[in-house]
Amino acid sequence: MNPSDVFQIVNTAVLPAWIFLAVAPRWRYRNTIIYGFCMLLAAIYAFYIFSDFGSLDFDSFGSLAGVMSLFTQEEAVLAGWVHYLVFDLLIGNWVVNQSIKHEIKHIFVVPCLVLCFMLGPVGFLLFSIVKYIKTRSLE
């Protein structure tokens, strides 16, 4: 399967997980399903990273130009994208878990989830602000 096809599959497959977070935050199997899905995506990530591991130049991570040179192949860009999908989804799940723990109304959480999905760190930032307003704590 070529990287473009895999990109389309993972991009589409991640949508139900985000919908789950938005509409079924208190479902008892939510964590298990989200973590399982993230592990599946992590396996795809590992495949693309380790299938061409020999040509991975770890010194490239030391400069912006070096990192840019890593993303000159479709497989590397796909791996990077899957990396974002996994971590954004994990943060989205953390947001839901924290909102339940701190009794934050879900109506305030949904915009944070949308932003986590589209602009990961911005969603995390917004939720951190919402949580701080509710709890007066950054913990």
N, C-alpha and C. Protein backbone atom coordinates (compact mmCIF):
# COMPACT_ATOMS: atom_id res chain seq x y z
N MET A 1 0.85 -1.17 0.00
CA MET A 1 0.00 0.00 0.00
C MET A 1 0.90 1.24 0.00
N ASN A 2 0.57 2.19 -0.82
CA ASN A 2 1.43 3.37 -0.91
C ASN A 2 1.10 4.36 0.22
N PRO A 3 2.05 5.26 0.53
CA PRO A 3 1.86 6.20 1.64
C PRO A 3 0.61 7.08 1.51
N SER A 4 0.23 7.45 0.29
CA SER A 4 -0.97 8.28 0.10
C SER A 4 -2.23 7.53 0.54
N ASP A 5 -2.29 6.24 0.22
CA ASP A 5 -3.44 5.43 0.64
C ASP A 5 -3.48 5.29 2.16
N VAL A 6 -2.34 5.02 2.77
CA VAL A 6 -2.27 4.89 4.23
C VAL A 6 -2.67 6.22 4.89
N PHE A 7 -2.21 7.33 4.33
CA PHE A 7 -2.57 8.65 4.84
C PHE A 7 -4.09 8.81 4.86
N GLN A 8 -4.75 8.47 3.75
CA GLN A 8 -6.21 8.59 3.67
C GLN A 8 -6.89 7.69 4.71
N ILE A 9 -6.36 6.49 4.88
CA ILE A 9 -6.96 5.53 5.83
C ILE A 9 -6.83 6.04 7.26
N VAL A 10 -5.63 6.44 7.67
CA VAL A 10 -5.45 6.87 9.07
C VAL A 10 -6.20 8.17 9.34
N ASN A 11 -6.24 9.06 8.37
CA ASN A 11 -6.96 10.32 8.53
C ASN A 11 -8.45 10.07 8.73
N THR A 12 -9.00 9.14 7.98
CA THR A 12 -10.41 8.82 8.09
C THR A 12 -10.69 7.99 9.34
N ALA A 13 -9.81 7.05 9.64
CA ALA A 13 -10.02 6.14 10.77
C ALA A 13 -9.99 6.85 12.11
N VAL A 14 -9.28 7.97 12.21
CA VAL A 14 -9.16 8.67 13.49
C VAL A 14 -10.43 9.45 13.84
N LEU A 15 -11.25 9.76 12.86
CA LEU A 15 -12.46 10.56 13.11
C LEU A 15 -13.42 9.92 14.12
N PRO A 16 -13.73 8.61 14.02
CA PRO A 16 -14.63 8.02 15.02
C PRO A 16 -14.08 8.12 16.45
N ALA A 17 -12.78 8.04 16.61
CA ALA A 17 -12.21 8.16 17.95
C ALA A 17 -12.49 9.55 18.54
N TRP A 18 -12.33 10.57 17.71
CA TRP A 18 -12.62 11.94 18.17
C TRP A 18 -14.11 12.12 18.44
N ILE A 19 -14.94 11.54 17.63
CA ILE A 19 -16.39 11.62 17.86
C ILE A 19 -16.74 10.96 19.18
N PHE A 20 -16.10 9.82 19.44
CA PHE A 20 -16.26 9.12 20.72
C PHE A 20 -15.99 10.05 21.90
N LEU A 21 -14.86 10.75 21.81
CA LEU A 21 -14.49 11.66 22.90
C LEU A 21 -15.53 12.76 23.09
N ALA A 22 -16.07 13.23 21.99
CA ALA A 22 -17.03 14.33 22.06
C ALA A 22 -18.42 13.91 22.52
N VAL A 23 -18.86 12.70 22.14
CA VAL A 23 -20.25 12.32 22.42
C VAL A 23 -20.40 11.24 23.49
N ALA A 24 -19.35 10.52 23.82
CA ALA A 24 -19.46 9.46 24.83
C ALA A 24 -18.31 9.53 25.84
N PRO A 25 -18.12 10.69 26.46
CA PRO A 25 -16.97 10.85 27.34
C PRO A 25 -17.00 9.95 28.57
N ARG A 26 -18.16 9.58 29.01
CA ARG A 26 -18.25 8.78 30.24
C ARG A 26 -18.48 7.28 29.98
N TRP A 27 -18.41 6.88 28.72
CA TRP A 27 -18.61 5.47 28.42
C TRP A 27 -17.46 4.67 29.03
N ARG A 28 -17.75 3.60 29.71
CA ARG A 28 -16.76 2.88 30.51
C ARG A 28 -15.62 2.27 29.70
N TYR A 29 -15.81 2.02 28.42
CA TYR A 29 -14.75 1.43 27.60
C TYR A 29 -13.99 2.46 26.76
N ARG A 30 -14.30 3.74 26.98
CA ARG A 30 -13.69 4.79 26.17
C ARG A 30 -12.16 4.75 26.24
N ASN A 31 -11.60 4.72 27.43
CA ASN A 31 -10.14 4.70 27.55
C ASN A 31 -9.53 3.50 26.82
N THR A 32 -10.11 2.34 27.01
CA THR A 32 -9.59 1.13 26.38
C THR A 32 -9.62 1.25 24.85
N ILE A 33 -10.70 1.75 24.32
CA ILE A 33 -10.82 1.89 22.87
C ILE A 33 -9.84 2.94 22.35
N ILE A 34 -9.75 4.08 23.01
CA ILE A 34 -8.85 5.14 22.56
C ILE A 34 -7.40 4.66 22.64
N TYR A 35 -7.02 4.04 23.76
CA TYR A 35 -5.63 3.56 23.88
C TYR A 35 -5.33 2.46 22.87
N GLY A 36 -6.28 1.58 22.64
CA GLY A 36 -6.09 0.53 21.64
C GLY A 36 -5.91 1.13 20.25
N PHE A 37 -6.71 2.11 19.92
CA PHE A 37 -6.61 2.77 18.63
C PHE A 37 -5.26 3.47 18.50
N CYS A 38 -4.83 4.13 19.57
CA CYS A 38 -3.52 4.81 19.55
C CYS A 38 -2.38 3.80 19.38
N MET A 39 -2.51 2.64 19.99
CA MET A 39 -1.48 1.61 19.82
C MET A 39 -1.43 1.11 18.38
N LEU A 40 -2.59 0.97 17.76
CA LEU A 40 -2.62 0.57 16.35
C LEU A 40 -1.93 1.62 15.49
N LEU A 41 -2.25 2.89 15.70
CA LEU A 41 -1.58 3.96 14.96
C LEU A 41 -0.08 3.99 15.27
N ALA A 42 0.28 3.74 16.52
CA ALA A 42 1.70 3.72 16.89
C ALA A 42 2.43 2.59 16.17
N ALA A 43 1.75 1.47 15.95
CA ALA A 43 2.37 0.37 15.20
C ALA A 43 2.60 0.78 13.75
N ILE A 44 1.66 1.50 13.17
CA ILE A 44 1.84 2.02 11.80
C ILE A 44 3.01 2.98 11.76
N TYR A 45 3.08 3.85 12.75
CA TYR A 45 4.20 4.79 12.87
C TYR A 45 5.52 4.03 12.96
N ALA A 46 5.58 3.05 13.83
CA ALA A 46 6.81 2.25 14.01
C ALA A 46 7.21 1.56 12.72
N PHE A 47 6.23 1.04 11.99
CA PHE A 47 6.54 0.39 10.73
C PHE A 47 7.25 1.35 9.79
N TYR A 48 6.71 2.55 9.64
CA TYR A 48 7.31 3.50 8.70
C TYR A 48 8.64 4.05 9.20
N ILE A 49 8.79 4.19 10.49
CA ILE A 49 10.06 4.67 11.03
C ILE A 49 11.14 3.58 10.89
N PHE A 50 10.82 2.36 11.29
CA PHE A 50 11.83 1.31 11.32
C PHE A 50 12.05 0.61 9.98
N SER A 51 11.13 0.77 9.04
CA SER A 51 11.32 0.14 7.74
C SER A 51 12.46 0.81 6.98
N ASP A 52 12.76 2.04 7.32
CA ASP A 52 13.87 2.75 6.67
C ASP A 52 14.84 3.30 7.73
N PHE A 53 14.95 2.56 8.84
CA PHE A 53 15.74 3.00 9.99
C PHE A 53 17.21 3.24 9.64
N GLY A 54 17.75 2.44 8.74
CA GLY A 54 19.16 2.55 8.38
C GLY A 54 19.54 3.90 7.81
N SER A 55 18.60 4.56 7.14
CA SER A 55 18.92 5.84 6.54
C SER A 55 18.54 7.02 7.44
N LEU A 56 18.05 6.73 8.65
CA LEU A 56 17.67 7.78 9.58
C LEU A 56 18.92 8.39 10.20
N ASP A 57 19.11 9.67 9.97
CA ASP A 57 20.28 10.39 10.47
C ASP A 57 19.87 11.15 11.73
N PHE A 58 20.25 10.60 12.89
CA PHE A 58 19.84 11.20 14.15
C PHE A 58 20.45 12.59 14.37
N ASP A 59 21.55 12.88 13.72
CA ASP A 59 22.15 14.22 13.82
C ASP A 59 21.24 15.28 13.19
N SER A 60 20.36 14.84 12.30
CA SER A 60 19.46 15.78 11.63
C SER A 60 18.48 16.44 12.60
N PHE A 61 18.25 15.81 13.75
CA PHE A 61 17.31 16.37 14.71
C PHE A 61 17.87 17.59 15.43
N GLY A 62 19.13 17.92 15.19
CA GLY A 62 19.79 19.03 15.88
C GLY A 62 19.60 20.39 15.24
N SER A 63 19.00 20.45 14.06
CA SER A 63 18.81 21.74 13.42
C SER A 63 17.51 21.72 12.62
N LEU A 64 16.97 22.89 12.39
CA LEU A 64 15.75 23.00 11.58
C LEU A 64 15.99 22.48 10.17
N ALA A 65 17.12 22.86 9.58
CA ALA A 65 17.44 22.39 8.23
C ALA A 65 17.55 20.86 8.20
N GLY A 66 18.12 20.30 9.26
CA GLY A 66 18.24 18.85 9.34
C GLY A 66 16.90 18.16 9.42
N VAL A 67 16.02 18.70 10.24
CA VAL A 67 14.67 18.13 10.37
C VAL A 67 13.93 18.26 9.04
N MET A 68 14.07 19.40 8.39
CA MET A 68 13.42 19.59 7.09
C MET A 68 13.92 18.55 6.08
N SER A 69 15.19 18.21 6.15
CA SER A 69 15.73 17.22 5.21
C SER A 69 15.16 15.83 5.47
N LEU A 70 14.76 15.56 6.71
CA LEU A 70 14.16 14.26 7.03
C LEU A 70 12.82 14.08 6.32
N PHE A 71 12.12 15.19 6.09
CA PHE A 71 10.78 15.12 5.52
C PHE A 71 10.77 15.36 4.01
N THR A 72 11.71 14.74 3.33
CA THR A 72 11.74 14.84 1.88
C THR A 72 11.17 13.60 1.22
N GLN A 73 10.80 12.60 2.01
CA GLN A 73 10.20 11.38 1.48
C GLN A 73 8.77 11.23 2.01
N GLU A 74 7.90 10.69 1.18
CA GLU A 74 6.51 10.51 1.57
C GLU A 74 6.37 9.69 2.85
N GLU A 75 7.17 8.65 2.98
CA GLU A 75 7.09 7.77 4.15
C GLU A 75 7.40 8.52 5.43
N ALA A 76 8.37 9.42 5.37
CA ALA A 76 8.75 10.20 6.56
C ALA A 76 7.64 11.19 6.91
N VAL A 77 7.05 11.82 5.91
CA VAL A 77 5.94 12.75 6.17
C VAL A 77 4.76 12.00 6.75
N LEU A 78 4.46 10.82 6.21
CA LEU A 78 3.37 10.00 6.73
C LEU A 78 3.64 9.64 8.19
N ALA A 79 4.84 9.20 8.49
CA ALA A 79 5.19 8.85 9.87
C ALA A 79 5.01 10.06 10.78
N GLY A 80 5.46 11.23 10.33
CA GLY A 80 5.28 12.45 11.11
C GLY A 80 3.82 12.76 11.35
N TRP A 81 3.01 12.58 10.33
CA TRP A 81 1.57 12.85 10.46
C TRP A 81 0.92 11.89 11.44
N VAL A 82 1.27 10.60 11.34
CA VAL A 82 0.71 9.61 12.26
C VAL A 82 1.14 9.94 13.69
N HIS A 83 2.37 10.41 13.84
CA HIS A 83 2.89 10.85 15.14
C HIS A 83 1.95 11.91 15.73
N TYR A 84 1.59 12.91 14.93
CA TYR A 84 0.66 13.95 15.38
C TYR A 84 -0.70 13.37 15.72
N LEU A 85 -1.21 12.48 14.87
CA LEU A 85 -2.52 11.90 15.13
C LEU A 85 -2.57 11.18 16.47
N VAL A 86 -1.52 10.41 16.76
CA VAL A 86 -1.47 9.64 18.01
C VAL A 86 -1.42 10.58 19.21
N PHE A 87 -0.49 11.50 19.20
CA PHE A 87 -0.33 12.36 20.37
C PHE A 87 -1.50 13.32 20.56
N ASP A 88 -2.05 13.83 19.49
CA ASP A 88 -3.23 14.69 19.63
C ASP A 88 -4.40 13.90 20.23
N LEU A 89 -4.58 12.66 19.78
CA LEU A 89 -5.67 11.84 20.32
C LEU A 89 -5.43 11.50 21.78
N LEU A 90 -4.19 11.21 22.14
CA LEU A 90 -3.89 10.94 23.54
C LEU A 90 -4.16 12.17 24.41
N ILE A 91 -3.81 13.34 23.92
CA ILE A 91 -4.10 14.57 24.66
C ILE A 91 -5.61 14.80 24.74
N GLY A 92 -6.32 14.53 23.66
CA GLY A 92 -7.78 14.66 23.69
C GLY A 92 -8.39 13.74 24.75
N ASN A 93 -7.89 12.52 24.85
CA ASN A 93 -8.39 11.59 25.85
C ASN A 93 -8.04 12.08 27.26
N TRP A 94 -6.83 12.62 27.42
CA TRP A 94 -6.41 13.17 28.71
C TRP A 94 -7.34 14.33 29.09
N VAL A 95 -7.67 15.18 28.13
CA VAL A 95 -8.59 16.30 28.38
C VAL A 95 -9.91 15.77 28.92
N VAL A 96 -10.46 14.74 28.29
CA VAL A 96 -11.73 14.18 28.75
C VAL A 96 -11.57 13.60 30.16
N ASN A 97 -10.49 12.86 30.40
CA ASN A 97 -10.27 12.29 31.73
C ASN A 97 -10.15 13.37 32.79
N GLN A 98 -9.42 14.43 32.48
CA GLN A 98 -9.27 15.54 33.43
C GLN A 98 -10.59 16.27 33.65
N SER A 99 -11.35 16.42 32.60
CA SER A 99 -12.63 17.12 32.74
C SER A 99 -13.58 16.34 33.64
N ILE A 100 -13.56 15.03 33.53
CA ILE A 100 -14.39 14.19 34.40
C ILE A 100 -13.89 14.28 35.84
N LYS A 101 -12.58 14.16 36.01
CA LYS A 101 -11.98 14.22 37.34
C LYS A 101 -12.31 15.53 38.05
N HIS A 102 -12.28 16.64 37.31
CA HIS A 102 -12.49 17.95 37.91
C HIS A 102 -13.91 18.49 37.71
N GLU A 103 -14.79 17.62 37.23
CA GLU A 103 -16.21 17.95 37.06
C GLU A 103 -16.43 19.21 36.23
N ILE A 104 -15.72 19.26 35.11
CA ILE A 104 -15.87 20.37 34.17
C ILE A 104 -16.97 19.98 33.19
N LYS A 105 -17.92 20.87 33.00
CA LYS A 105 -19.04 20.56 32.10
C LYS A 105 -18.52 20.29 30.69
N HIS A 106 -19.09 19.25 30.10
CA HIS A 106 -18.62 18.79 28.80
C HIS A 106 -18.81 19.84 27.70
N ILE A 107 -19.77 20.71 27.87
CA ILE A 107 -19.99 21.77 26.87
C ILE A 107 -18.75 22.66 26.74
N PHE A 108 -17.97 22.79 27.82
CA PHE A 108 -16.74 23.57 27.77
C PHE A 108 -15.57 22.77 27.23
N VAL A 109 -15.71 21.46 27.24
CA VAL A 109 -14.64 20.56 26.81
C VAL A 109 -14.66 20.36 25.29
N VAL A 110 -15.84 20.31 24.71
CA VAL A 110 -15.96 20.03 23.27
C VAL A 110 -15.15 21.00 22.41
N PRO A 111 -15.20 22.32 22.65
CA PRO A 111 -14.35 23.20 21.83
C PRO A 111 -12.85 22.89 22.00
N CYS A 112 -12.47 22.50 23.19
CA CYS A 112 -11.07 22.12 23.43
C CYS A 112 -10.71 20.89 22.61
N LEU A 113 -11.64 19.93 22.53
CA LEU A 113 -11.40 18.71 21.75
C LEU A 113 -11.28 19.04 20.26
N VAL A 114 -12.15 19.91 19.78
CA VAL A 114 -12.08 20.30 18.36
C VAL A 114 -10.72 20.92 18.07
N LEU A 115 -10.27 21.79 18.96
CA LEU A 115 -8.96 22.41 18.76
C LEU A 115 -7.82 21.42 18.92
N CYS A 116 -7.96 20.47 19.85
CA CYS A 116 -6.93 19.41 19.97
C CYS A 116 -6.82 18.63 18.68
N PHE A 117 -7.96 18.34 18.07
CA PHE A 117 -7.99 17.59 16.82
C PHE A 117 -7.35 18.38 15.68
N MET A 118 -7.69 19.64 15.60
CA MET A 118 -7.23 20.44 14.46
C MET A 118 -5.88 21.13 14.70
N LEU A 119 -5.66 21.59 15.93
CA LEU A 119 -4.47 22.39 16.25
C LEU A 119 -3.93 21.98 17.62
N GLY A 120 -3.64 20.69 17.77
CA GLY A 120 -3.26 20.06 19.03
C GLY A 120 -2.91 20.94 20.22
N PRO A 121 -1.77 21.62 20.19
CA PRO A 121 -1.36 22.40 21.36
C PRO A 121 -2.32 23.53 21.73
N VAL A 122 -3.03 24.08 20.75
CA VAL A 122 -3.99 25.15 21.05
C VAL A 122 -5.16 24.58 21.86
N GLY A 123 -5.60 23.37 21.53
CA GLY A 123 -6.66 22.73 22.31
C GLY A 123 -6.20 22.43 23.72
N PHE A 124 -4.97 21.98 23.85
CA PHE A 124 -4.39 21.73 25.18
C PHE A 124 -4.34 23.03 25.98
N LEU A 125 -3.90 24.10 25.34
CA LEU A 125 -3.83 25.41 26.00
C LEU A 125 -5.21 25.87 26.45
N LEU A 126 -6.19 25.79 25.56
CA LEU A 126 -7.54 26.22 25.92
C LEU A 126 -8.07 25.40 27.09
N PHE A 127 -7.88 24.08 27.04
CA PHE A 127 -8.37 23.26 28.15
C PHE A 127 -7.64 23.61 29.44
N SER A 128 -6.35 23.88 29.36
CA SER A 128 -5.59 24.26 30.56
C SER A 128 -6.16 25.52 31.18
N ILE A 129 -6.58 26.46 30.34
CA ILE A 129 -7.19 27.70 30.84
C ILE A 129 -8.54 27.39 31.48
N VAL A 130 -9.36 26.59 30.80
CA VAL A 130 -10.67 26.21 31.33
C VAL A 130 -10.49 25.50 32.67
N LYS A 131 -9.57 24.56 32.73
CA LYS A 131 -9.33 23.80 33.96
C LYS A 131 -8.83 24.72 35.07
N TYR A 132 -7.97 25.65 34.73
CA TYR A 132 -7.46 26.58 35.75
C TYR A 132 -8.59 27.45 36.30
N ILE A 133 -9.47 27.92 35.44
CA ILE A 133 -10.61 28.74 35.88
C ILE A 133 -11.48 27.93 36.85
N LYS A 134 -11.68 26.65 36.53
CA LYS A 134 -12.54 25.80 37.37
C LYS A 134 -11.86 25.41 38.67
N THR A 135 -10.56 25.07 38.62
CA THR A 135 -9.90 24.48 39.79
C THR A 135 -8.92 25.42 40.50
N ARG A 136 -8.54 26.50 39.82
CA ARG A 136 -7.50 27.42 40.32
C ARG A 136 -6.18 26.68 40.57
N SER A 137 -5.94 25.66 39.76
CA SER A 137 -4.71 24.88 39.87
C SER A 137 -4.24 24.44 38.50
N LEU A 138 -2.94 24.37 38.32
CA LEU A 138 -2.38 23.88 37.06
C LEU A 138 -2.12 22.38 37.09
N GLU A 139 -2.36 21.75 38.22
CA GLU A 139 -2.14 20.30 38.34
C GLU A 139 -3.23 19.50 37.71
